[in-house]
Amino acid sequence: MNTKWISVDLKNPDHRADALAIFHSNDDYFLLSGGKKATVDSLAEICTSLPPQTTLEQKKVLLVYEEGMPLALLDLIQGYPSRDCAYIGLLIVHGNRQNKGWGLHILQELEQRCAAEGYVRLRLGVLSNNPGALAFWTKMGFTEQLLPKDNKAQSIHVMEKMLIPTL
């Protein structure tokens, strides 16, 4: 499984088309998360939205290709919520490539990259109304974290996974 990872350039029409192909193959996710199908505006929002107290320099939005074909899109915030953590905002695999081991492969490569950059854990949020995603991330070794009661995003399961340091 040989993949190529490329930073998304919103001005590049090929990047927009490839991201939208991935999005449109996952209409169910976008209907669950936002109540509507994905558009170019959805991609722009993913590329520019940030958690509190972070900057665009911390954000990576990557297209993952396999044999020249769009495979997945990954949104990653480095150093969030703490310096030793990388936050997965979104990992979405093309619909016709799901359940074939690609999610695991991409996650393993991401874990290696993050560990090499000194991160010790990955964090993400899973929508409560998305039991398939919750099952996937649990199977990948993520565990649910308890958050303070004042958490405003109560419909999200916050999950983390410790990384194995690179030698």
Foldseek 3Di string as FASTA:
>chain_A
DDKDKDFQDLVDPVSLVQQLQQQQLPQVVCCVPPVGGDDSVNVVCLQPDDDPPADSVQWTWIFMDDPNHTFWIWIWGAQPPHNQEIETADITTRNVCPPVCPVVVVVVVVLVVSLAVRHFKYKYKDFLVCVVVVVVVVVSPWDFDDDDPPDPPPRITMTMHTGDHDD
